């Protein structure tokens, strides 16, 4: 083996150890999701490979190497939003190396985050949401009762679909109008329920045993509110999303516009349109940063503007 080949192997092994240590920190200390860890690991490995083509390593690469890598990605047609995610991974990684003493600087600090224009979230109007509820109400049997309960909780509390399907049955307490939701980063928050949602859940509890695994049906020992006979023990996010698509067809709505996350968007936007303050909506959605919630104010403003332009008598007269 040549000295150069040996050096490259050593560099690759060192990079792999540093990346592994960083991902372990992200998993343990920041409770990063598996998908986030996978994406960060892939991006860092690709950047490490790029540095080797410039005779650098993760411990010696500078701001000019990061900039050159981003220019390469841009030339390949990478979207600015995707590039911004990769910059975020590099910033956290190099900050980790600096904090842990593997580097004396953080070269990513000199790199600007690619400017992106955040798309406004898709939502449904209150009329369209009502059409979904009417379609679900027309469904008979235990499946219809379960679907109504899930819709009511989702729209009343603005949950993420992962939070909804994994709700423990212990989260529902008789007479309580609030439920405890475990969200991103394993953080807990309180979410309100409307009386309609409470009534729908009560009705569902009466038929819940029909969805339990046979060996648990008599004892009712499943910990999940929306239990199922699948591997997870509860209804999956993918299955619920498909149920909504099927419901959209019955309600006469475009299937492409209906999803669990769209209902979460509708929840937030309709609250703001009704006069709710931004901070309260942030807390209900479980957003760590209020700037994430602010996107809904733009949606509400756009809808109000369109309403004025389409309904105001002076606006109509001007068009003529």
C-alpha atoms as a PDB file:
ATOM      1  CA  UNK A   1       0.000   0.000   0.000  1.00  0.00           C
ATOM      2  CA  UNK A   2       1.390   3.407  -0.961  1.00  0.00           C
ATOM      3  CA  UNK A   3       1.844   6.181   1.589  1.00  0.00           C
ATOM      4  CA  UNK A   4      -0.790   8.260  -0.226  1.00  0.00           C
ATOM      5  CA  UNK A   5      -3.341   5.429  -0.152  1.00  0.00           C
ATOM      6  CA  UNK A   6      -2.653   4.828   3.530  1.00  0.00           C
ATOM      7  CA  UNK A   7      -3.162   8.528   4.259  1.00  0.00           C
ATOM      8  CA  UNK A   8      -6.497   8.540   2.397  1.00  0.00           C
ATOM      9  CA  UNK A   9      -7.706   5.529   4.345  1.00  0.00           C
ATOM     10  CA  UNK A  10      -6.729   7.156   7.622  1.00  0.00           C
ATOM     11  CA  UNK A  11      -8.519  10.360   6.620  1.00  0.00           C
ATOM     12  CA  UNK A  12     -11.675   8.439   5.689  1.00  0.00           C
ATOM     13  CA  UNK A  13     -11.656   6.540   8.981  1.00  0.00           C
ATOM     14  CA  UNK A  14     -11.192   9.746  10.965  1.00  0.00           C
ATOM     15  CA  UNK A  15     -14.043  11.450   9.104  1.00  0.00           C
ATOM     16  CA  UNK A  16     -16.305   8.478   9.738  1.00  0.00           C
ATOM     17  CA  UNK A  17     -15.552   8.583  13.479  1.00  0.00           C
ATOM     18  CA  UNK A  18     -16.217  12.330  13.704  1.00  0.00           C
ATOM     19  CA  UNK A  19     -19.504  12.026  11.817  1.00  0.00           C
ATOM     20  CA  UNK A  20     -20.568   9.083  13.977  1.00  0.00           C
ATOM     21  CA  UNK A  21     -19.762  11.024  17.166  1.00  0.00           C
ATOM     22  CA  UNK A  22     -21.760  14.024  15.915  1.00  0.00           C
ATOM     23  CA  UNK A  23     -24.794  11.905  15.016  1.00  0.00           C
ATOM     24  CA  UNK A  24     -24.676  10.212  18.398  1.00  0.00           C
ATOM     25  CA  UNK A  25     -24.701  13.622  20.076  1.00  0.00           C
ATOM     26  CA  UNK A  26     -27.666  14.725  17.939  1.00  0.00           C
ATOM     27  CA  UNK A  27     -29.594  11.577  18.836  1.00  0.00           C
ATOM     28  CA  UNK A  28     -28.881  11.636  22.577  1.00  0.00           C
ATOM     29  CA  UNK A  29     -28.780  15.332  23.426  1.00  0.00           C
ATOM     30  CA  UNK A  30     -31.190  16.785  20.860  1.00  0.00           C
ATOM     31  CA  UNK A  31     -33.475  13.809  20.261  1.00  0.00           C
ATOM     32  CA  UNK A  32     -33.077  14.194  16.492  1.00  0.00           C
ATOM     33  CA  UNK A  33     -35.441  12.050  14.432  1.00  0.00           C
ATOM     34  CA  UNK A  34     -34.016   8.990  12.623  1.00  0.00           C
ATOM     35  CA  UNK A  35     -34.759  10.619   9.255  1.00  0.00           C
ATOM     36  CA  UNK A  36     -32.808  13.740  10.302  1.00  0.00           C
ATOM     37  CA  UNK A  37     -29.837  11.654  11.412  1.00  0.00           C
ATOM     38  CA  UNK A  38     -29.899   9.750   8.145  1.00  0.00           C
ATOM     39  CA  UNK A  39     -29.961  12.935   6.057  1.00  0.00           C
ATOM     40  CA  UNK A  40     -27.217  14.608   8.108  1.00  0.00           C
ATOM     41  CA  UNK A  41     -25.037  11.533   7.897  1.00  0.00           C
ATOM     42  CA  UNK A  42     -25.429  11.314   4.114  1.00  0.00           C
ATOM     43  CA  UNK A  43     -24.687  15.013   3.581  1.00  0.00           C
ATOM     44  CA  UNK A  44     -21.627  14.982   5.831  1.00  0.00           C
ATOM     45  CA  UNK A  45     -20.213  11.873   4.161  1.00  0.00           C
ATOM     46  CA  UNK A  46     -20.617  13.530   0.761  1.00  0.00           C
ATOM     47  CA  UNK A  47     -18.943  16.697   1.987  1.00  0.00           C
ATOM     48  CA  UNK A  48     -16.103  14.654   3.488  1.00  0.00           C
ATOM     49  CA  UNK A  49     -15.594  12.995   0.107  1.00  0.00           C
ATOM     50  CA  UNK A  50     -15.548  16.409  -1.563  1.00  0.00           C
ATOM     51  CA  UNK A  51     -12.888  17.710   0.832  1.00  0.00           C
ATOM     52  CA  UNK A  52     -10.642  14.768  -0.027  1.00  0.00           C
ATOM     53  CA  UNK A  53     -10.717  15.792  -3.698  1.00  0.00           C
ATOM     54  CA  UNK A  54      -9.260  19.115  -2.539  1.00  0.00           C
ATOM     55  CA  UNK A  55      -6.623  17.444  -0.360  1.00  0.00           C
ATOM     56  CA  UNK A  56      -8.432  18.526   2.798  1.00  0.00           C
ATOM     57  CA  UNK A  57     -10.217  16.774   5.657  1.00  0.00           C
ATOM     58  CA  UNK A  58     -13.124  17.614   7.923  1.00  0.00           C
ATOM     59  CA  UNK A  59     -10.571  18.881  10.424  1.00  0.00           C
ATOM     60  CA  UNK A  60      -8.792  21.170   7.944  1.00  0.00           C
ATOM     61  CA  UNK A  61     -11.491  22.271   5.481  1.00  0.00           C
ATOM     62  CA  UNK A  62     -12.158  26.002   5.401  1.00  0.00           C
ATOM     63  CA  UNK A  63     -14.993  28.312   4.408  1.00  0.00           C
ATOM     64  CA  UNK A  64     -13.752  28.299   0.807  1.00  0.00           C
ATOM     65  CA  UNK A  65     -14.180  24.508   0.669  1.00  0.00           C
ATOM     66  CA  UNK A  66     -17.756  24.746   1.943  1.00  0.00           C
ATOM     67  CA  UNK A  67     -18.508  27.507  -0.576  1.00  0.00           C
ATOM     68  CA  UNK A  68     -17.003  25.441  -3.403  1.00  0.00           C
ATOM     69  CA  UNK A  69     -19.143  22.440  -2.430  1.00  0.00           C
ATOM     70  CA  UNK A  70     -22.300  24.541  -2.403  1.00  0.00           C
ATOM     71  CA  UNK A  71     -21.407  25.982  -5.802  1.00  0.00           C
ATOM     72  CA  UNK A  72     -21.058  22.433  -7.117  1.00  0.00           C
ATOM     73  CA  UNK A  73     -24.472  21.508  -5.751  1.00  0.00           C
ATOM     74  CA  UNK A  74     -26.017  24.637  -7.250  1.00  0.00           C
ATOM     75  CA  UNK A  75     -24.482  23.810 -10.626  1.00  0.00           C
ATOM     76  CA  UNK A  76     -26.132  20.404 -10.388  1.00  0.00           C
ATOM     77  CA  UNK A  77     -29.504  22.128 -10.027  1.00  0.00           C
ATOM     78  CA  UNK A  78     -30.011  21.748  -6.281  1.00  0.00           C
ATOM     79  CA  UNK A  79     -32.869  23.882  -4.955  1.00  0.00           C
ATOM     80  CA  UNK A  80     -31.981  26.694  -2.557  1.00  0.00           C
ATOM     81  CA  UNK A  81     -34.237  25.192   0.112  1.00  0.00           C
ATOM     82  CA  UNK A  82     -32.369  21.880  -0.052  1.00  0.00           C
ATOM     83  CA  UNK A  83     -29.002  23.646  -0.020  1.00  0.00           C
ATOM     84  CA  UNK A  84     -30.107  25.517   3.107  1.00  0.00           C
ATOM     85  CA  UNK A  85     -30.701  22.205   4.875  1.00  0.00           C
ATOM     86  CA  UNK A  86     -27.189  21.044   3.988  1.00  0.00           C
ATOM     87  CA  UNK A  87     -25.710  24.295   5.293  1.00  0.00           C
ATOM     88  CA  UNK A  88     -27.618  23.743   8.525  1.00  0.00           C
ATOM     89  CA  UNK A  89     -26.087  20.273   8.853  1.00  0.00           C
ATOM     90  CA  UNK A  90     -22.583  21.638   8.247  1.00  0.00           C
ATOM     91  CA  UNK A  91     -23.033  24.472  10.724  1.00  0.00           C
ATOM     92  CA  UNK A  92     -24.099  22.145  13.500  1.00  0.00           C
ATOM     93  CA  UNK A  93     -21.372  19.646  12.653  1.00  0.00           C
ATOM     94  CA  UNK A  94     -18.541  22.185  12.631  1.00  0.00           C
ATOM     95  CA  UNK A  95     -19.851  23.780  15.817  1.00  0.00           C
ATOM     96  CA  UNK A  96     -19.702  20.313  17.359  1.00  0.00           C
ATOM     97  CA  UNK A  97     -16.096  19.851  16.183  1.00  0.00           C
ATOM     98  CA  UNK A  98     -15.169  23.257  17.620  1.00  0.00           C
ATOM     99  CA  UNK A  99     -16.902  22.622  20.933  1.00  0.00           C
ATOM    100  CA  UNK A 100     -15.310  19.193  21.294  1.00  0.00           C
ATOM    101  CA  UNK A 101     -11.837  20.523  20.516  1.00  0.00           C
ATOM    102  CA  UNK A 102     -11.362  18.797  17.165  1.00  0.00           C
ATOM    103  CA  UNK A 103     -10.994  22.197  15.496  1.00  0.00           C
ATOM    104  CA  UNK A 104      -9.929  25.628  16.605  1.00  0.00           C
ATOM    105  CA  UNK A 105     -12.566  27.365  14.476  1.00  0.00           C
ATOM    106  CA  UNK A 106     -15.946  26.961  12.854  1.00  0.00           C
ATOM    107  CA  UNK A 107     -15.511  27.597   9.107  1.00  0.00           C
ATOM    108  CA  UNK A 108     -19.245  27.373   8.446  1.00  0.00           C
ATOM    109  CA  UNK A 109     -19.848  30.562  10.457  1.00  0.00           C
ATOM    110  CA  UNK A 110     -18.660  32.571   7.469  1.00  0.00           C
ATOM    111  CA  UNK A 111     -21.148  30.907   5.094  1.00  0.00           C
ATOM    112  CA  UNK A 112     -24.486  32.634   4.504  1.00  0.00           C
ATOM    113  CA  UNK A 113     -27.580  30.502   4.479  1.00  0.00           C
ATOM    114  CA  UNK A 114     -28.959  30.216   0.914  1.00  0.00           C
ATOM    115  CA  UNK A 115     -31.901  32.567   0.528  1.00  0.00           C
ATOM    116  CA  UNK A 116     -35.133  30.702   0.085  1.00  0.00           C
ATOM    117  CA  UNK A 117     -38.688  31.748  -0.456  1.00  0.00           C
ATOM    118  CA  UNK A 118     -40.791  29.630   1.840  1.00  0.00           C
ATOM    119  CA  UNK A 119     -43.944  28.432   0.054  1.00  0.00           C
ATOM    120  CA  UNK A 120     -47.219  29.209   1.751  1.00  0.00           C
ATOM    121  CA  UNK A 121     -48.872  26.082   3.193  1.00  0.00           C
ATOM    122  CA  UNK A 122     -51.859  24.629   1.412  1.00  0.00           C
ATOM    123  CA  UNK A 123     -55.079  24.792   3.385  1.00  0.00           C
ATOM    124  CA  UNK A 124     -58.756  24.035   3.101  1.00  0.00           C
ATOM    125  CA  UNK A 125     -61.518  26.563   3.613  1.00  0.00           C
ATOM    126  CA  UNK A 126     -63.915  26.189   6.529  1.00  0.00           C
ATOM    127  CA  UNK A 127     -66.567  25.103   4.024  1.00  0.00           C
ATOM    128  CA  UNK A 128     -64.315  22.382   2.629  1.00  0.00           C
ATOM    129  CA  UNK A 129     -63.428  21.132   6.107  1.00  0.00           C
ATOM    130  CA  UNK A 130     -67.137  20.978   6.897  1.00  0.00           C
ATOM    131  CA  UNK A 131     -67.671  18.909   3.739  1.00  0.00           C
ATOM    132  CA  UNK A 132     -65.139  16.381   5.019  1.00  0.00           C
ATOM    133  CA  UNK A 133     -66.938  16.132   8.354  1.00  0.00           C
ATOM    134  CA  UNK A 134     -70.315  15.693   6.661  1.00  0.00           C
ATOM    135  CA  UNK A 135     -68.919  12.916   4.468  1.00  0.00           C
ATOM    136  CA  UNK A 136     -67.414  11.169   7.496  1.00  0.00           C
ATOM    137  CA  UNK A 137     -70.669  11.517   9.448  1.00  0.00           C
ATOM    138  CA  UNK A 138     -72.486   9.648   6.682  1.00  0.00           C
ATOM    139  CA  UNK A 139     -70.208   6.626   7.133  1.00  0.00           C
ATOM    140  CA  UNK A 140     -71.752   3.802   9.123  1.00  0.00           C
ATOM    141  CA  UNK A 141     -70.257   1.359  11.585  1.00  0.00           C
ATOM    142  CA  UNK A 142     -67.209   1.423  13.849  1.00  0.00           C
ATOM    143  CA  UNK A 143     -64.898   2.611  11.050  1.00  0.00           C
ATOM    144  CA  UNK A 144     -66.985   5.741  10.561  1.00  0.00           C
ATOM    145  CA  UNK A 145     -67.089   6.387  14.299  1.00  0.00           C
ATOM    146  CA  UNK A 146     -63.301   6.095  14.512  1.00  0.00           C
ATOM    147  CA  UNK A 147     -62.745   8.365  11.520  1.00  0.00           C
ATOM    148  CA  UNK A 148     -64.996  11.082  12.973  1.00  0.00           C
ATOM    149  CA  UNK A 149     -63.091  10.930  16.275  1.00  0.00           C
ATOM    150  CA  UNK A 150     -59.735  11.257  14.511  1.00  0.00           C
ATOM    151  CA  UNK A 151     -60.943  14.165  12.384  1.00  0.00           C
ATOM    152  CA  UNK A 152     -62.377  15.979  15.380  1.00  0.00           C
ATOM    153  CA  UNK A 153     -59.134  15.646  17.389  1.00  0.00           C
ATOM    154  CA  UNK A 154     -56.950  16.597  14.419  1.00  0.00           C
ATOM    155  CA  UNK A 155     -58.914  19.729  13.578  1.00  0.00           C
ATOM    156  CA  UNK A 156     -59.634  20.721  17.191  1.00  0.00           C
ATOM    157  CA  UNK A 157     -56.038  20.450  18.380  1.00  0.00           C
ATOM    158  CA  UNK A 158     -53.977  20.840  15.183  1.00  0.00           C
ATOM    159  CA  UNK A 159     -51.926  17.715  15.846  1.00  0.00           C
ATOM    160  CA  UNK A 160     -49.273  16.298  13.569  1.00  0.00           C
ATOM    161  CA  UNK A 161     -50.485  13.023  12.073  1.00  0.00           C
ATOM    162  CA  UNK A 162     -47.707  11.141  13.894  1.00  0.00           C
ATOM    163  CA  UNK A 163     -48.957  12.614  17.174  1.00  0.00           C
ATOM    164  CA  UNK A 164     -52.556  11.714  16.391  1.00  0.00           C
ATOM    165  CA  UNK A 165     -52.091   8.044  15.501  1.00  0.00           C
ATOM    166  CA  UNK A 166     -49.736   7.423  18.435  1.00  0.00           C
ATOM    167  CA  UNK A 167     -51.941   8.999  21.118  1.00  0.00           C
ATOM    168  CA  UNK A 168     -52.029   6.751  24.169  1.00  0.00           C
ATOM    169  CA  UNK A 169     -55.463   5.962  25.520  1.00  0.00           C
ATOM    170  CA  UNK A 170     -54.273   7.460  28.809  1.00  0.00           C
ATOM    171  CA  UNK A 171     -54.201  10.865  27.080  1.00  0.00           C
ATOM    172  CA  UNK A 172     -58.009  10.894  27.115  1.00  0.00           C
ATOM    173  CA  UNK A 173     -59.492  11.498  30.530  1.00  0.00           C
ATOM    174  CA  UNK A 174     -63.202  11.575  31.238  1.00  0.00           C
ATOM    175  CA  UNK A 175     -64.472  15.128  31.599  1.00  0.00           C
ATOM    176  CA  UNK A 176     -61.116  16.710  30.637  1.00  0.00           C
ATOM    177  CA  UNK A 177     -61.056  19.218  27.784  1.00  0.00           C
ATOM    178  CA  UNK A 178     -57.282  19.085  27.393  1.00  0.00           C
ATOM    179  CA  UNK A 179     -55.014  16.262  26.293  1.00  0.00           C
ATOM    180  CA  UNK A 180     -51.272  15.838  26.738  1.00  0.00           C
ATOM    181  CA  UNK A 181     -49.473  15.428  23.412  1.00  0.00           C
ATOM    182  CA  UNK A 182     -45.908  14.176  23.042  1.00  0.00           C
ATOM    183  CA  UNK A 183     -44.417  15.917  20.008  1.00  0.00           C
ATOM    184  CA  UNK A 184     -41.071  16.496  18.326  1.00  0.00           C
ATOM    185  CA  UNK A 185     -38.003  16.113  20.506  1.00  0.00           C
ATOM    186  CA  UNK A 186     -40.151  14.133  22.965  1.00  0.00           C
ATOM    187  CA  UNK A 187     -41.566  17.428  24.254  1.00  0.00           C
ATOM    188  CA  UNK A 188     -45.004  17.464  25.838  1.00  0.00           C
ATOM    189  CA  UNK A 189     -47.674  20.117  25.388  1.00  0.00           C
ATOM    190  CA  UNK A 190     -51.300  20.602  26.291  1.00  0.00           C
ATOM    191  CA  UNK A 191     -53.815  20.598  23.453  1.00  0.00           C
ATOM    192  CA  UNK A 192     -57.485  21.633  23.745  1.00  0.00           C
ATOM    193  CA  UNK A 193     -60.474  19.604  22.619  1.00  0.00           C
ATOM    194  CA  UNK A 194     -63.834  20.969  21.548  1.00  0.00           C
ATOM    195  CA  UNK A 195     -67.012  19.493  22.983  1.00  0.00           C
ATOM    196  CA  UNK A 196     -67.639  17.939  19.571  1.00  0.00           C
ATOM    197  CA  UNK A 197     -64.263  16.216  19.750  1.00  0.00           C
ATOM    198  CA  UNK A 198     -64.935  14.965  23.287  1.00  0.00           C
ATOM    199  CA  UNK A 199     -68.321  13.555  22.239  1.00  0.00           C
ATOM    200  CA  UNK A 200     -66.781  11.916  19.156  1.00  0.00           C
ATOM    201  CA  UNK A 201     -64.040  10.274  21.232  1.00  0.00           C
ATOM    202  CA  UNK A 202     -66.599   9.034  23.768  1.00  0.00           C
ATOM    203  CA  UNK A 203     -68.567   7.432  20.934  1.00  0.00           C
ATOM    204  CA  UNK A 204     -65.394   5.863  19.529  1.00  0.00           C
ATOM    205  CA  UNK A 205     -64.374   4.409  22.907  1.00  0.00           C
ATOM    206  CA  UNK A 206     -67.629   2.454  22.786  1.00  0.00           C
ATOM    207  CA  UNK A 207     -66.498   0.629  19.606  1.00  0.00           C
ATOM    208  CA  UNK A 208     -62.715   0.662  20.158  1.00  0.00           C
ATOM    209  CA  UNK A 209     -62.572  -3.044  21.043  1.00  0.00           C
ATOM    210  CA  UNK A 210     -63.474  -3.868  17.442  1.00  0.00           C
ATOM    211  CA  UNK A 211     -60.013  -2.653  16.366  1.00  0.00           C
ATOM    212  CA  UNK A 212     -57.986  -4.411  19.071  1.00  0.00           C
ATOM    213  CA  UNK A 213     -55.946  -7.540  18.380  1.00  0.00           C
ATOM    214  CA  UNK A 214     -58.073 -10.577  19.221  1.00  0.00           C
ATOM    215  CA  UNK A 215     -55.879 -11.596  22.133  1.00  0.00           C
ATOM    216  CA  UNK A 216     -56.285  -8.123  23.654  1.00  0.00           C
ATOM    217  CA  UNK A 217     -59.904  -7.442  22.794  1.00  0.00           C
ATOM    218  CA  UNK A 218     -61.318  -8.898  25.994  1.00  0.00           C
ATOM    219  CA  UNK A 219     -58.791  -7.281  28.317  1.00  0.00           C
ATOM    220  CA  UNK A 220     -58.583  -4.014  26.414  1.00  0.00           C
ATOM    221  CA  UNK A 221     -54.894  -3.868  27.213  1.00  0.00           C
ATOM    222  CA  UNK A 222     -53.632  -1.972  24.156  1.00  0.00           C
ATOM    223  CA  UNK A 223     -51.992   1.310  25.237  1.00  0.00           C
ATOM    224  CA  UNK A 224     -52.987   3.119  22.039  1.00  0.00           C
ATOM    225  CA  UNK A 225     -56.134   5.163  21.596  1.00  0.00           C
ATOM    226  CA  UNK A 226     -56.434   4.294  17.911  1.00  0.00           C
ATOM    227  CA  UNK A 227     -55.387   0.673  18.252  1.00  0.00           C
ATOM    228  CA  UNK A 228     -55.090  -1.683  15.299  1.00  0.00           C
ATOM    229  CA  UNK A 229     -54.069  -5.223  14.531  1.00  0.00           C
ATOM    230  CA  UNK A 230     -50.953  -4.101  12.601  1.00  0.00           C
ATOM    231  CA  UNK A 231     -47.320  -4.403  13.682  1.00  0.00           C
ATOM    232  CA  UNK A 232     -47.232  -0.981  15.343  1.00  0.00           C
ATOM    233  CA  UNK A 233     -50.280  -1.747  17.448  1.00  0.00           C
ATOM    234  CA  UNK A 234     -51.947   1.467  16.317  1.00  0.00           C
ATOM    235  CA  UNK A 235     -53.285   2.923  13.088  1.00  0.00           C
ATOM    236  CA  UNK A 236     -50.386   4.155  10.943  1.00  0.00           C
ATOM    237  CA  UNK A 237     -49.967   7.657   9.562  1.00  0.00           C
ATOM    238  CA  UNK A 238     -49.975   6.294   6.006  1.00  0.00           C
ATOM    239  CA  UNK A 239     -53.244   4.446   6.566  1.00  0.00           C
ATOM    240  CA  UNK A 240     -54.947   7.497   8.041  1.00  0.00           C
ATOM    241  CA  UNK A 241     -53.715   9.634   5.130  1.00  0.00           C
ATOM    242  CA  UNK A 242     -55.287   7.145   2.712  1.00  0.00           C
ATOM    243  CA  UNK A 243     -58.527   7.235   4.683  1.00  0.00           C
ATOM    244  CA  UNK A 244     -58.586  11.017   4.225  1.00  0.00           C
ATOM    245  CA  UNK A 245     -57.981  10.656   0.485  1.00  0.00           C
ATOM    246  CA  UNK A 246     -60.915   8.273   0.238  1.00  0.00           C
ATOM    247  CA  UNK A 247     -63.028  10.690   2.268  1.00  0.00           C
ATOM    248  CA  UNK A 248     -62.086  13.558  -0.071  1.00  0.00           C
ATOM    249  CA  UNK A 249     -63.534  11.609  -3.001  1.00  0.00           C
ATOM    250  CA  UNK A 250     -66.823  11.149  -1.143  1.00  0.00           C
ATOM    251  CA  UNK A 251     -66.864  14.842  -0.166  1.00  0.00           C
ATOM    252  CA  UNK A 252     -66.233  15.917  -3.760  1.00  0.00           C
ATOM    253  CA  UNK A 253     -62.896  17.591  -2.962  1.00  0.00           C
ATOM    254  CA  UNK A 254     -59.693  17.343  -5.029  1.00  0.00           C
ATOM    255  CA  UNK A 255     -57.770  14.403  -3.560  1.00  0.00           C
ATOM    256  CA  UNK A 256     -54.420  16.139  -4.038  1.00  0.00           C
ATOM    257  CA  UNK A 257     -55.496  18.964  -1.711  1.00  0.00           C
ATOM    258  CA  UNK A 258     -56.468  16.791   1.245  1.00  0.00           C
ATOM    259  CA  UNK A 259     -53.990  15.362   3.742  1.00  0.00           C
ATOM    260  CA  UNK A 260     -53.520  15.259   7.525  1.00  0.00           C
ATOM    261  CA  UNK A 261     -50.981  18.080   7.359  1.00  0.00           C
ATOM    262  CA  UNK A 262     -53.321  20.238   5.283  1.00  0.00           C
ATOM    263  CA  UNK A 263     -55.895  19.930   8.072  1.00  0.00           C
ATOM    264  CA  UNK A 264     -53.213  21.017  10.562  1.00  0.00           C
ATOM    265  CA  UNK A 265     -52.550  24.047   8.346  1.00  0.00           C
ATOM    266  CA  UNK A 266     -56.284  24.751   8.184  1.00  0.00           C
ATOM    267  CA  UNK A 267     -56.542  24.569  11.979  1.00  0.00           C
ATOM    268  CA  UNK A 268     -53.839  27.227  12.421  1.00  0.00           C
ATOM    269  CA  UNK A 269     -55.058  29.533   9.659  1.00  0.00           C
ATOM    270  CA  UNK A 270     -58.697  29.404  10.717  1.00  0.00           C
ATOM    271  CA  UNK A 271     -57.710  30.221  14.308  1.00  0.00           C
ATOM    272  CA  UNK A 272     -55.750  33.291  13.197  1.00  0.00           C
ATOM    273  CA  UNK A 273     -58.580  34.391  10.922  1.00  0.00           C
ATOM    274  CA  UNK A 274     -60.894  34.085  13.921  1.00  0.00           C
ATOM    275  CA  UNK A 275     -58.724  36.427  15.986  1.00  0.00           C
ATOM    276  CA  UNK A 276     -56.431  34.044  17.899  1.00  0.00           C
ATOM    277  CA  UNK A 277     -53.038  35.476  18.858  1.00  0.00           C
ATOM    278  CA  UNK A 278     -49.911  34.078  17.234  1.00  0.00           C
ATOM    279  CA  UNK A 279     -48.245  32.956  20.471  1.00  0.00           C
ATOM    280  CA  UNK A 280     -51.229  30.815  21.458  1.00  0.00           C
ATOM    281  CA  UNK A 281     -51.296  29.166  18.037  1.00  0.00           C
ATOM    282  CA  UNK A 282     -47.560  28.499  18.320  1.00  0.00           C
ATOM    283  CA  UNK A 283     -48.065  26.716  21.632  1.00  0.00           C
ATOM    284  CA  UNK A 284     -50.942  24.630  20.308  1.00  0.00           C
ATOM    285  CA  UNK A 285     -48.973  23.587  17.228  1.00  0.00           C
ATOM    286  CA  UNK A 286     -45.902  22.748  19.287  1.00  0.00           C
ATOM    287  CA  UNK A 287     -43.572  24.981  17.255  1.00  0.00           C
ATOM    288  CA  UNK A 288     -40.244  25.650  18.974  1.00  0.00           C
ATOM    289  CA  UNK A 289     -39.743  28.868  16.970  1.00  0.00           C
ATOM    290  CA  UNK A 290     -42.513  31.401  16.443  1.00  0.00           C
ATOM    291  CA  UNK A 291     -41.150  32.237  12.980  1.00  0.00           C
ATOM    292  CA  UNK A 292     -42.439  28.815  11.910  1.00  0.00           C
ATOM    293  CA  UNK A 293     -45.929  29.826  13.020  1.00  0.00           C
ATOM    294  CA  UNK A 294     -45.747  33.247  11.360  1.00  0.00           C
ATOM    295  CA  UNK A 295     -46.171  31.655   7.931  1.00  0.00           C
ATOM    296  CA  UNK A 296     -49.881  31.254   8.750  1.00  0.00           C
ATOM    297  CA  UNK A 297     -50.311  35.002   9.164  1.00  0.00           C
ATOM    298  CA  UNK A 298     -49.285  35.385   5.515  1.00  0.00           C
ATOM    299  CA  UNK A 299     -51.889  32.811   4.484  1.00  0.00           C
ATOM    300  CA  UNK A 300     -54.580  34.598   6.487  1.00  0.00           C
ATOM    301  CA  UNK A 301     -53.586  37.986   5.029  1.00  0.00           C
ATOM    302  CA  UNK A 302     -53.665  36.618   1.473  1.00  0.00           C
ATOM    303  CA  UNK A 303     -57.116  35.128   2.047  1.00  0.00           C
ATOM    304  CA  UNK A 304     -58.436  38.424   3.460  1.00  0.00           C
ATOM    305  CA  UNK A 305     -56.969  40.341   0.530  1.00  0.00           C
ATOM    306  CA  UNK A 306     -58.572  37.961  -1.967  1.00  0.00           C
ATOM    307  CA  UNK A 307     -61.861  38.283  -0.084  1.00  0.00           C
ATOM    308  CA  UNK A 308     -61.773  42.074  -0.356  1.00  0.00           C
ATOM    309  CA  UNK A 309     -60.865  42.003  -4.058  1.00  0.00           C
ATOM    310  CA  UNK A 310     -63.583  39.492  -4.897  1.00  0.00           C
ATOM    311  CA  UNK A 311     -66.409  40.619  -2.584  1.00  0.00           C
ATOM    312  CA  UNK A 312     -65.987  44.342  -1.919  1.00  0.00           C
ATOM    313  CA  UNK A 313     -68.460  46.355  -4.052  1.00  0.00           C
ATOM    314  CA  UNK A 314     -65.909  49.073  -4.900  1.00  0.00           C
ATOM    315  CA  UNK A 315     -63.393  46.464  -6.021  1.00  0.00           C
ATOM    316  CA  UNK A 316     -66.000  44.871  -8.267  1.00  0.00           C
ATOM    317  CA  UNK A 317     -66.934  48.260  -9.712  1.00  0.00           C
ATOM    318  CA  UNK A 318     -63.297  49.034 -10.458  1.00  0.00           C
ATOM    319  CA  UNK A 319     -62.920  45.796 -12.407  1.00  0.00           C
ATOM    320  CA  UNK A 320     -65.750  46.886 -14.666  1.00  0.00           C
END
